[in-house]
Amino acid sequence: MHLTAIRADQAAGLELGVTATPGWAIDGRRYTGFYDLDALLDELE
């Protein structure tokens, strides 16, 4: 049950070029900016 979801998440990350954790994707795009609240909110706008 969970293994299927984990493998799907892993495959999606690999398609975006994620090679380590934490790896973030916002709206299907790899996010490589800072991990502070203001930077993340700016990216979501």
PDB file of N, CA and C in Angstrom:
ATOM      1  N   MET A   1       0.819  -1.185   0.000  1.00  0.00           N
ATOM      2  CA  MET A   1       0.000   0.000   0.000  1.00  0.00           C
ATOM      3  C   MET A   1       0.868   1.256   0.000  1.00  0.00           C
ATOM      4  N   HIS A   2       1.677   1.424   1.010  1.00  0.00           N
ATOM      5  CA  HIS A   2       2.532   2.610   1.091  1.00  0.00           C
ATOM      6  C   HIS A   2       3.698   2.535   0.112  1.00  0.00           C
ATOM      7  N   LEU A   3       4.162   1.323  -0.148  1.00  0.00           N
ATOM      8  CA  LEU A   3       5.314   1.162  -1.031  1.00  0.00           C
ATOM      9  C   LEU A   3       5.029   1.704  -2.431  1.00  0.00           C
ATOM     10  N   THR A   4       3.832   1.528  -2.920  1.00  0.00           N
ATOM     11  CA  THR A   4       3.471   2.044  -4.239  1.00  0.00           C
ATOM     12  C   THR A   4       3.558   3.566  -4.266  1.00  0.00           C
ATOM     13  N   ALA A   5       3.048   4.221  -3.231  1.00  0.00           N
ATOM     14  CA  ALA A   5       3.099   5.689  -3.155  1.00  0.00           C
ATOM     15  C   ALA A   5       4.536   6.178  -3.024  1.00  0.00           C
ATOM     16  N   ILE A   6       5.338   5.483  -2.233  1.00  0.00           N
ATOM     17  CA  ILE A   6       6.738   5.864  -2.056  1.00  0.00           C
ATOM     18  C   ILE A   6       7.487   5.764  -3.378  1.00  0.00           C
ATOM     19  N   ARG A   7       7.268   4.687  -4.091  1.00  0.00           N
ATOM     20  CA  ARG A   7       7.956   4.513  -5.379  1.00  0.00           C
ATOM     21  C   ARG A   7       7.505   5.554  -6.403  1.00  0.00           C
ATOM     22  N   ALA A   8       6.232   5.920  -6.381  1.00  0.00           N
ATOM     23  CA  ALA A   8       5.739   6.955  -7.297  1.00  0.00           C
ATOM     24  C   ALA A   8       6.372   8.300  -6.963  1.00  0.00           C
ATOM     25  N   ASP A   9       6.466   8.624  -5.669  1.00  0.00           N
ATOM     26  CA  ASP A   9       7.117   9.876  -5.256  1.00  0.00           C
ATOM     27  C   ASP A   9       8.589   9.883  -5.650  1.00  0.00           C
ATOM     28  N   GLN A  10       9.251   8.750  -5.467  1.00  0.00           N
ATOM     29  CA  GLN A  10      10.664   8.651  -5.827  1.00  0.00           C
ATOM     30  C   GLN A  10      10.854   8.852  -7.328  1.00  0.00           C
ATOM     31  N   ALA A  11      10.013   8.233  -8.126  1.00  0.00           N
ATOM     32  CA  ALA A  11      10.118   8.368  -9.580  1.00  0.00           C
ATOM     33  C   ALA A  11       9.881   9.816 -10.005  1.00  0.00           C
ATOM     34  N   ALA A  12       8.902  10.474  -9.390  1.00  0.00           N
ATOM     35  CA  ALA A  12       8.625  11.870  -9.725  1.00  0.00           C
ATOM     36  C   ALA A  12       9.816  12.750  -9.368  1.00  0.00           C
ATOM     37  N   GLY A  13      10.431  12.503  -8.238  1.00  0.00           N
ATOM     38  CA  GLY A  13      11.610  13.269  -7.845  1.00  0.00           C
ATOM     39  C   GLY A  13      12.770  13.065  -8.803  1.00  0.00           C
ATOM     40  N   LEU A  14      12.992  11.832  -9.203  1.00  0.00           N
ATOM     41  CA  LEU A  14      14.076  11.553 -10.145  1.00  0.00           C
ATOM     42  C   LEU A  14      13.842  12.239 -11.482  1.00  0.00           C
ATOM     43  N   GLU A  15      12.592  12.296 -11.927  1.00  0.00           N
ATOM     44  CA  GLU A  15      12.276  12.982 -13.183  1.00  0.00           C
ATOM     45  C   GLU A  15      12.581  14.475 -13.097  1.00  0.00           C
ATOM     46  N   LEU A  16      12.470  15.045 -11.902  1.00  0.00           N
ATOM     47  CA  LEU A  16      12.758  16.467 -11.707  1.00  0.00           C
ATOM     48  C   LEU A  16      14.241  16.730 -11.440  1.00  0.00           C
ATOM     49  N   GLY A  17      15.033  15.669 -11.309  1.00  0.00           N
ATOM     50  CA  GLY A  17      16.463  15.832 -11.083  1.00  0.00           C
ATOM     51  C   GLY A  17      16.862  15.873  -9.618  1.00  0.00           C
ATOM     52  N   VAL A  18      15.950  15.487  -8.733  1.00  0.00           N
ATOM     53  CA  VAL A  18      16.272  15.461  -7.307  1.00  0.00           C
ATOM     54  C   VAL A  18      17.246  14.308  -7.056  1.00  0.00           C
ATOM     55  N   THR A  19      18.360  14.623  -6.387  1.00  0.00           N
ATOM     56  CA  THR A  19      19.364  13.592  -6.118  1.00  0.00           C
ATOM     57  C   THR A  19      19.643  13.419  -4.630  1.00  0.00           C
ATOM     58  N   ALA A  20      19.050  14.257  -3.791  1.00  0.00           N
ATOM     59  CA  ALA A  20      19.281  14.167  -2.353  1.00  0.00           C
ATOM     60  C   ALA A  20      18.071  14.767  -1.631  1.00  0.00           C
ATOM     61  N   THR A  21      18.055  14.608  -0.332  1.00  0.00           N
ATOM     62  CA  THR A  21      16.980  15.203   0.455  1.00  0.00           C
ATOM     63  C   THR A  21      17.521  16.368   1.251  1.00  0.00           C
ATOM     64  N   PRO A  22      16.771  17.396   1.562  1.00  0.00           N
ATOM     65  CA  PRO A  22      15.381  17.501   1.103  1.00  0.00           C
ATOM     66  C   PRO A  22      15.322  17.915  -0.355  1.00  0.00           C
ATOM     67  N   GLY A  23      14.362  17.405  -1.048  1.00  0.00           N
ATOM     68  CA  GLY A  23      14.099  17.798  -2.423  1.00  0.00           C
ATOM     69  C   GLY A  23      12.675  18.302  -2.510  1.00  0.00           C
ATOM     70  N   TRP A  24      12.498  19.487  -3.026  1.00  0.00           N
ATOM     71  CA  TRP A  24      11.177  20.100  -3.079  1.00  0.00           C
ATOM     72  C   TRP A  24      10.753  20.304  -4.517  1.00  0.00           C
ATOM     73  N   ALA A  25       9.464  20.124  -4.746  1.00  0.00           N
ATOM     74  CA  ALA A  25       8.863  20.453  -6.032  1.00  0.00           C
ATOM     75  C   ALA A  25       7.643  21.318  -5.762  1.00  0.00           C
ATOM     76  N   ILE A  26       7.517  22.384  -6.519  1.00  0.00           N
ATOM     77  CA  ILE A  26       6.365  23.281  -6.404  1.00  0.00           C
ATOM     78  C   ILE A  26       5.731  23.376  -7.774  1.00  0.00           C
ATOM     79  N   ASP A  27       4.472  22.987  -7.862  1.00  0.00           N
ATOM     80  CA  ASP A  27       3.738  22.986  -9.135  1.00  0.00           C
ATOM     81  C   ASP A  27       4.472  22.191 -10.209  1.00  0.00           C
ATOM     82  N   GLY A  28       5.036  21.064  -9.822  1.00  0.00           N
ATOM     83  CA  GLY A  28       5.697  20.191 -10.778  1.00  0.00           C
ATOM     84  C   GLY A  28       7.057  20.653 -11.246  1.00  0.00           C
ATOM     85  N   ARG A  29       7.623  21.660 -10.559  1.00  0.00           N
ATOM     86  CA  ARG A  29       8.960  22.155 -10.910  1.00  0.00           C
ATOM     87  C   ARG A  29       9.873  21.989  -9.710  1.00  0.00           C
ATOM     88  N   ARG A  30      11.097  21.612  -9.964  1.00  0.00           N
ATOM     89  CA  ARG A  30      12.071  21.477  -8.893  1.00  0.00           C
ATOM     90  C   ARG A  30      12.373  22.845  -8.297  1.00  0.00           C
ATOM     91  N   TYR A  31      12.337  22.922  -6.976  1.00  0.00           N
ATOM     92  CA  TYR A  31      12.637  24.167  -6.272  1.00  0.00           C
ATOM     93  C   TYR A  31      14.024  24.047  -5.655  1.00  0.00           C
ATOM     94  N   THR A  32      14.906  24.995  -5.987  1.00  0.00           N
ATOM     95  CA  THR A  32      16.282  24.948  -5.477  1.00  0.00           C
ATOM     96  C   THR A  32      16.642  26.186  -4.684  1.00  0.00           C
ATOM     97  N   GLY A  33      15.628  26.998  -4.355  1.00  0.00           N
ATOM     98  CA  GLY A  33      15.894  28.225  -3.617  1.00  0.00           C
ATOM     99  C   GLY A  33      16.079  27.974  -2.127  1.00  0.00           C
ATOM    100  N   PHE A  34      16.070  29.071  -1.387  1.00  0.00           N
ATOM    101  CA  PHE A  34      16.230  28.989   0.060  1.00  0.00           C
ATOM    102  C   PHE A  34      14.996  28.360   0.694  1.00  0.00           C
ATOM    103  N   TYR A  35      15.169  27.771   1.864  1.00  0.00           N
ATOM    104  CA  TYR A  35      14.077  27.093   2.560  1.00  0.00           C
ATOM    105  C   TYR A  35      13.507  27.933   3.695  1.00  0.00           C
ATOM    106  N   ASP A  36      13.495  29.249   3.520  1.00  0.00           N
ATOM    107  CA  ASP A  36      12.871  30.083   4.540  1.00  0.00           C
ATOM    108  C   ASP A  36      11.460  30.443   4.079  1.00  0.00           C
ATOM    109  N   LEU A  37      10.625  30.837   5.012  1.00  0.00           N
ATOM    110  CA  LEU A  37       9.218  31.085   4.723  1.00  0.00           C
ATOM    111  C   LEU A  37       9.013  32.132   3.639  1.00  0.00           C
ATOM    112  N   ASP A  38       9.716  33.249   3.709  1.00  0.00           N
ATOM    113  CA  ASP A  38       9.533  34.311   2.715  1.00  0.00           C
ATOM    114  C   ASP A  38       9.876  33.844   1.300  1.00  0.00           C
ATOM    115  N   ALA A  39      10.951  33.100   1.152  1.00  0.00           N
ATOM    116  CA  ALA A  39      11.358  32.607  -0.159  1.00  0.00           C
ATOM    117  C   ALA A  39      10.320  31.618  -0.716  1.00  0.00           C
ATOM    118  N   LEU A  40       9.820  30.751   0.133  1.00  0.00           N
ATOM    119  CA  LEU A  40       8.818  29.785  -0.310  1.00  0.00           C
ATOM    120  C   LEU A  40       7.512  30.489  -0.670  1.00  0.00           C
ATOM    121  N   LEU A  41       7.107  31.460   0.107  1.00  0.00           N
ATOM    122  CA  LEU A  41       5.871  32.204  -0.211  1.00  0.00           C
ATOM    123  C   LEU A  41       6.019  32.961  -1.518  1.00  0.00           C
ATOM    124  N   ASP A  42       7.195  33.547  -1.768  1.00  0.00           N
ATOM    125  CA  ASP A  42       7.434  34.241  -3.039  1.00  0.00           C
ATOM    126  C   ASP A  42       7.301  33.286  -4.215  1.00  0.00           C
ATOM    127  N   GLU A  43       7.801  32.075  -4.057  1.00  0.00           N
ATOM    128  CA  GLU A  43       7.749  31.085  -5.137  1.00  0.00           C
ATOM    129  C   GLU A  43       6.309  30.652  -5.415  1.00  0.00           C
ATOM    130  N   LEU A  44       5.483  30.651  -4.396  1.00  0.00           N
ATOM    131  CA  LEU A  44       4.095  30.227  -4.566  1.00  0.00           C
ATOM    132  C   LEU A  44       3.213  31.291  -5.210  1.00  0.00           C
ATOM    133  N   GLU A  45       3.647  32.524  -5.218  1.00  0.00           N
ATOM    134  CA  GLU A  45       2.831  33.609  -5.802  1.00  0.00           C
ATOM    135  C   GLU A  45       2.871  33.598  -7.310  1.00  0.00           C
TER     136      GLU A  45
END
